[in-house]
PDB file of N, CA and C in Angstrom:
ATOM      1  N   MET A   1     -29.489 -45.133  46.337  1.00  0.00           N
ATOM      2  CA  MET A   1     -29.068 -44.056  45.668  1.00  0.00           C
ATOM      3  C   MET A   1     -27.446 -43.819  45.790  1.00  0.00           C
ATOM      4  N   ALA A   2     -27.075 -44.147  47.024  1.00  0.00           N
ATOM      5  CA  ALA A   2     -25.399 -44.335  47.256  1.00  0.00           C
ATOM      6  C   ALA A   2     -24.742 -45.613  46.303  1.00  0.00           C
ATOM      7  N   TRP A   3     -25.599 -46.699  46.669  1.00  0.00           N
ATOM      8  CA  TRP A   3     -24.958 -48.118  45.294  1.00  0.00           C
ATOM      9  C   TRP A   3     -25.106 -47.837  44.061  1.00  0.00           C
ATOM     10  N   GLU A   4     -26.035 -47.013  43.746  1.00  0.00           N
ATOM     11  CA  GLU A   4     -26.518 -46.886  42.392  1.00  0.00           C
ATOM     12  C   GLU A   4     -25.302 -45.905  42.013  1.00  0.00           C
ATOM     13  N   LEU A   5     -24.811 -44.412  42.501  1.00  0.00           N
ATOM     14  CA  LEU A   5     -23.634 -43.382  42.372  1.00  0.00           C
ATOM     15  C   LEU A   5     -22.497 -44.547  42.234  1.00  0.00           C
ATOM     16  N   LEU A   6     -22.445 -45.453  43.358  1.00  0.00           N
ATOM     17  CA  LEU A   6     -20.887 -46.026  43.334  1.00  0.00           C
ATOM     18  C   LEU A   6     -20.855 -46.740  42.362  1.00  0.00           C
ATOM     19  N   PHE A   7     -21.679 -47.742  41.701  1.00  0.00           N
ATOM     20  CA  PHE A   7     -21.355 -48.835  40.338  1.00  0.00           C
ATOM     21  C   PHE A   7     -21.912 -47.749  38.843  1.00  0.00           C
ATOM     22  N   THR A   8     -22.481 -46.603  39.404  1.00  0.00           N
ATOM     23  CA  THR A   8     -22.715 -46.457  37.334  1.00  0.00           C
ATOM     24  C   THR A   8     -21.718 -44.773  37.422  1.00  0.00           C
ATOM     25  N   SER A   9     -21.201 -43.838  37.903  1.00  0.00           N
ATOM     26  CA  SER A   9     -20.630 -43.045  37.907  1.00  0.00           C
ATOM     27  C   SER A   9     -19.121 -43.126  37.725  1.00  0.00           C
ATOM     28  N   ASP A  10     -18.605 -42.008  36.736  1.00  0.00           N
ATOM     29  CA  ASP A  10     -17.179 -42.539  37.120  1.00  0.00           C
ATOM     30  C   ASP A  10     -16.065 -42.618  38.424  1.00  0.00           C
ATOM     31  N   ILE A  11     -16.914 -41.457  38.787  1.00  0.00           N
ATOM     32  CA  ILE A  11     -16.169 -41.342  40.452  1.00  0.00           C
ATOM     33  C   ILE A  11     -16.227 -42.464  41.255  1.00  0.00           C
ATOM     34  N   GLY A  12     -17.728 -42.935  40.996  1.00  0.00           N
ATOM     35  CA  GLY A  12     -17.965 -43.690  42.108  1.00  0.00           C
ATOM     36  C   GLY A  12     -17.109 -45.437  41.917  1.00  0.00           C
ATOM     37  N   LEU A  13     -16.795 -45.627  40.345  1.00  0.00           N
ATOM     38  CA  LEU A  13     -16.228 -46.834  40.224  1.00  0.00           C
ATOM     39  C   LEU A  13     -14.680 -46.741  40.442  1.00  0.00           C
ATOM     40  N   MET A  14     -14.131 -45.611  40.218  1.00  0.00           N
ATOM     41  CA  MET A  14     -12.900 -44.869  40.806  1.00  0.00           C
ATOM     42  C   MET A  14     -12.856 -45.264  42.174  1.00  0.00           C
ATOM     43  N   SER A  15     -13.406 -44.660  42.714  1.00  0.00           N
ATOM     44  CA  SER A  15     -13.854 -45.077  44.520  1.00  0.00           C
ATOM     45  C   SER A  15     -13.727 -46.774  44.406  1.00  0.00           C
ATOM     46  N   LEU A  16     -14.288 -47.031  44.111  1.00  0.00           N
ATOM     47  CA  LEU A  16     -14.548 -48.637  44.113  1.00  0.00           C
ATOM     48  C   LEU A  16     -13.210 -49.554  43.700  1.00  0.00           C
ATOM     49  N   VAL A  17     -12.499 -48.954  42.806  1.00  0.00           N
ATOM     50  CA  VAL A  17     -11.123 -49.554  42.270  1.00  0.00           C
ATOM     51  C   VAL A  17     -10.253 -49.044  43.229  1.00  0.00           C
ATOM     52  N   VAL A  18     -10.052 -48.312  44.155  1.00  0.00           N
ATOM     53  CA  VAL A  18      -9.401 -47.969  45.359  1.00  0.00           C
ATOM     54  C   VAL A  18      -9.788 -48.627  46.629  1.00  0.00           C
ATOM     55  N   ILE A  19     -10.879 -48.868  47.001  1.00  0.00           N
ATOM     56  CA  ILE A  19     -11.170 -49.385  47.996  1.00  0.00           C
ATOM     57  C   ILE A  19     -10.623 -50.974  47.982  1.00  0.00           C
ATOM     58  N   VAL A  20     -11.370 -51.223  46.832  1.00  0.00           N
ATOM     59  CA  VAL A  20     -10.768 -52.981  46.246  1.00  0.00           C
ATOM     60  C   VAL A  20      -8.913 -53.304  46.363  1.00  0.00           C
ATOM     61  N   GLY A  21      -8.417 -52.205  45.804  1.00  0.00           N
ATOM     62  CA  GLY A  21      -7.302 -52.236  45.830  1.00  0.00           C
ATOM     63  C   GLY A  21      -6.539 -52.072  47.021  1.00  0.00           C
ATOM     64  N   VAL A  22      -6.869 -51.408  48.223  1.00  0.00           N
ATOM     65  CA  VAL A  22      -6.426 -50.794  49.314  1.00  0.00           C
ATOM     66  C   VAL A  22      -6.719 -52.449  50.017  1.00  0.00           C
ATOM     67  N   VAL A  23      -7.491 -53.173  50.002  1.00  0.00           N
ATOM     68  CA  VAL A  23      -8.036 -54.203  50.678  1.00  0.00           C
ATOM     69  C   VAL A  23      -7.227 -55.195  50.768  1.00  0.00           C
ATOM     70  N   VAL A  24      -7.044 -55.759  48.994  1.00  0.00           N
ATOM     71  CA  VAL A  24      -6.161 -56.450  48.162  1.00  0.00           C
ATOM     72  C   VAL A  24      -4.719 -56.391  48.988  1.00  0.00           C
ATOM     73  N   ILE A  25      -4.116 -54.707  49.081  1.00  0.00           N
ATOM     74  CA  ILE A  25      -2.911 -55.161  48.921  1.00  0.00           C
ATOM     75  C   ILE A  25      -2.741 -54.934  50.453  1.00  0.00           C
ATOM     76  N   GLY A  26      -3.934 -54.601  51.619  1.00  0.00           N
ATOM     77  CA  GLY A  26      -3.684 -54.801  53.065  1.00  0.00           C
ATOM     78  C   GLY A  26      -3.564 -56.537  53.140  1.00  0.00           C
ATOM     79  N   ALA A  27      -4.404 -57.331  52.358  1.00  0.00           N
ATOM     80  CA  ALA A  27      -4.482 -58.736  52.518  1.00  0.00           C
ATOM     81  C   ALA A  27      -3.022 -59.412  52.293  1.00  0.00           C
ATOM     82  N   VAL A  28      -2.493 -59.265  51.085  1.00  0.00           N
ATOM     83  CA  VAL A  28      -1.243 -59.322  50.165  1.00  0.00           C
ATOM     84  C   VAL A  28      -0.365 -59.242  51.994  1.00  0.00           C
ATOM     85  N   MET A  29       0.151 -58.285  52.497  1.00  0.00           N
ATOM     86  CA  MET A  29       0.811 -57.758  53.018  1.00  0.00           C
ATOM     87  C   MET A  29       1.038 -58.503  54.584  1.00  0.00           C
ATOM     88  N   GLY A  30      -0.514 -58.702  54.612  1.00  0.00           N
ATOM     89  CA  GLY A  30      -0.769 -59.188  55.973  1.00  0.00           C
ATOM     90  C   GLY A  30      -0.583 -60.591  55.747  1.00  0.00           C
ATOM     91  N   LYS A  31      -0.709 -61.359  54.610  1.00  0.00           N
ATOM     92  CA  LYS A  31      -0.110 -62.597  54.430  1.00  0.00           C
ATOM     93  C   LYS A  31       1.820 -62.870  54.396  1.00  0.00           C
ATOM     94  N   MET A  32       2.586 -61.883  53.807  1.00  0.00           N
ATOM     95  CA  MET A  32       3.767 -61.765  53.807  1.00  0.00           C
ATOM     96  C   MET A  32       4.269 -61.300  55.153  1.00  0.00           C
ATOM     97  N   TYR A  33       3.998 -60.743  56.103  1.00  0.00           N
ATOM     98  CA  TYR A  33       4.069 -60.299  57.489  1.00  0.00           C
ATOM     99  C   TYR A  33       4.024 -61.546  58.020  1.00  0.00           C
ATOM    100  N   SER A  34       3.023 -61.905  58.023  1.00  0.00           N
ATOM    101  CA  SER A  34       2.289 -63.349  58.582  1.00  0.00           C
ATOM    102  C   SER A  34       3.694 -64.993  58.369  1.00  0.00           C
ATOM    103  N   ASN A  35       3.832 -64.921  57.259  1.00  0.00           N
ATOM    104  CA  ASN A  35       4.758 -66.064  56.166  1.00  0.00           C
ATOM    105  C   ASN A  35       6.105 -65.387  57.370  1.00  0.00           C
ATOM    106  N   LYS A  36       6.677 -64.507  56.906  1.00  0.00           N
ATOM    107  CA  LYS A  36       8.143 -63.695  57.658  1.00  0.00           C
ATOM    108  C   LYS A  36       7.811 -64.070  59.505  1.00  0.00           C
ATOM    109  N   MET A  37       7.024 -63.575  60.108  1.00  0.00           N
ATOM    110  CA  MET A  37       6.849 -64.166  61.279  1.00  0.00           C
ATOM    111  C   MET A  37       6.941 -65.731  61.484  1.00  0.00           C
ATOM    112  N   ASP A  38       6.274 -66.421  61.008  1.00  0.00           N
ATOM    113  CA  ASP A  38       6.898 -67.868  61.411  1.00  0.00           C
ATOM    114  C   ASP A  38       7.996 -68.370  60.417  1.00  0.00           C
ATOM    115  N   GLU A  39       8.108 -67.558  59.429  1.00  0.00           N
ATOM    116  CA  GLU A  39       9.673 -68.127  59.741  1.00  0.00           C
ATOM    117  C   GLU A  39      10.760 -67.618  60.478  1.00  0.00           C
ATOM    118  N   GLU A  40      10.632 -66.321  61.070  1.00  0.00           N
ATOM    119  CA  GLU A  40      11.650 -66.098  62.196  1.00  0.00           C
ATOM    120  C   GLU A  40      11.688 -66.876  63.201  1.00  0.00           C
ATOM    121  N   SER A  41      10.458 -67.222  63.560  1.00  0.00           N
ATOM    122  CA  SER A  41       9.681 -68.108  64.546  1.00  0.00           C
ATOM    123  C   SER A  41      10.530 -69.583  64.603  1.00  0.00           C
ATOM    124  N   GLY A  42      10.625 -69.520  63.629  1.00  0.00           N
ATOM    125  CA  GLY A  42      11.265 -71.509  63.496  1.00  0.00           C
ATOM    126  C   GLY A  42      12.667 -70.908  63.144  1.00  0.00           C
ATOM    127  N   GLN A  43      13.387 -70.320  63.484  1.00  0.00           N
ATOM    128  CA  GLN A  43      14.935 -70.314  63.343  1.00  0.00           C
ATOM    129  C   GLN A  43      15.425 -70.621  64.804  1.00  0.00           C
ATOM    130  N   ARG A  44      14.166 -69.771  65.608  1.00  0.00           N
ATOM    131  CA  ARG A  44      15.421 -69.931  67.239  1.00  0.00           C
ATOM    132  C   ARG A  44      15.046 -70.924  67.742  1.00  0.00           C
TER     133      ARG A  44
END
């Protein structure tokens, strides 16, 4: 029931897009922060 509502209704699809977007943004920001920390630790 819940999965069906998530993938078939307009509200469910918008929620799914927001969830995926937040996960992608979090992964990108985590990678950027990790690279920045590695870059700064290499300078010292």
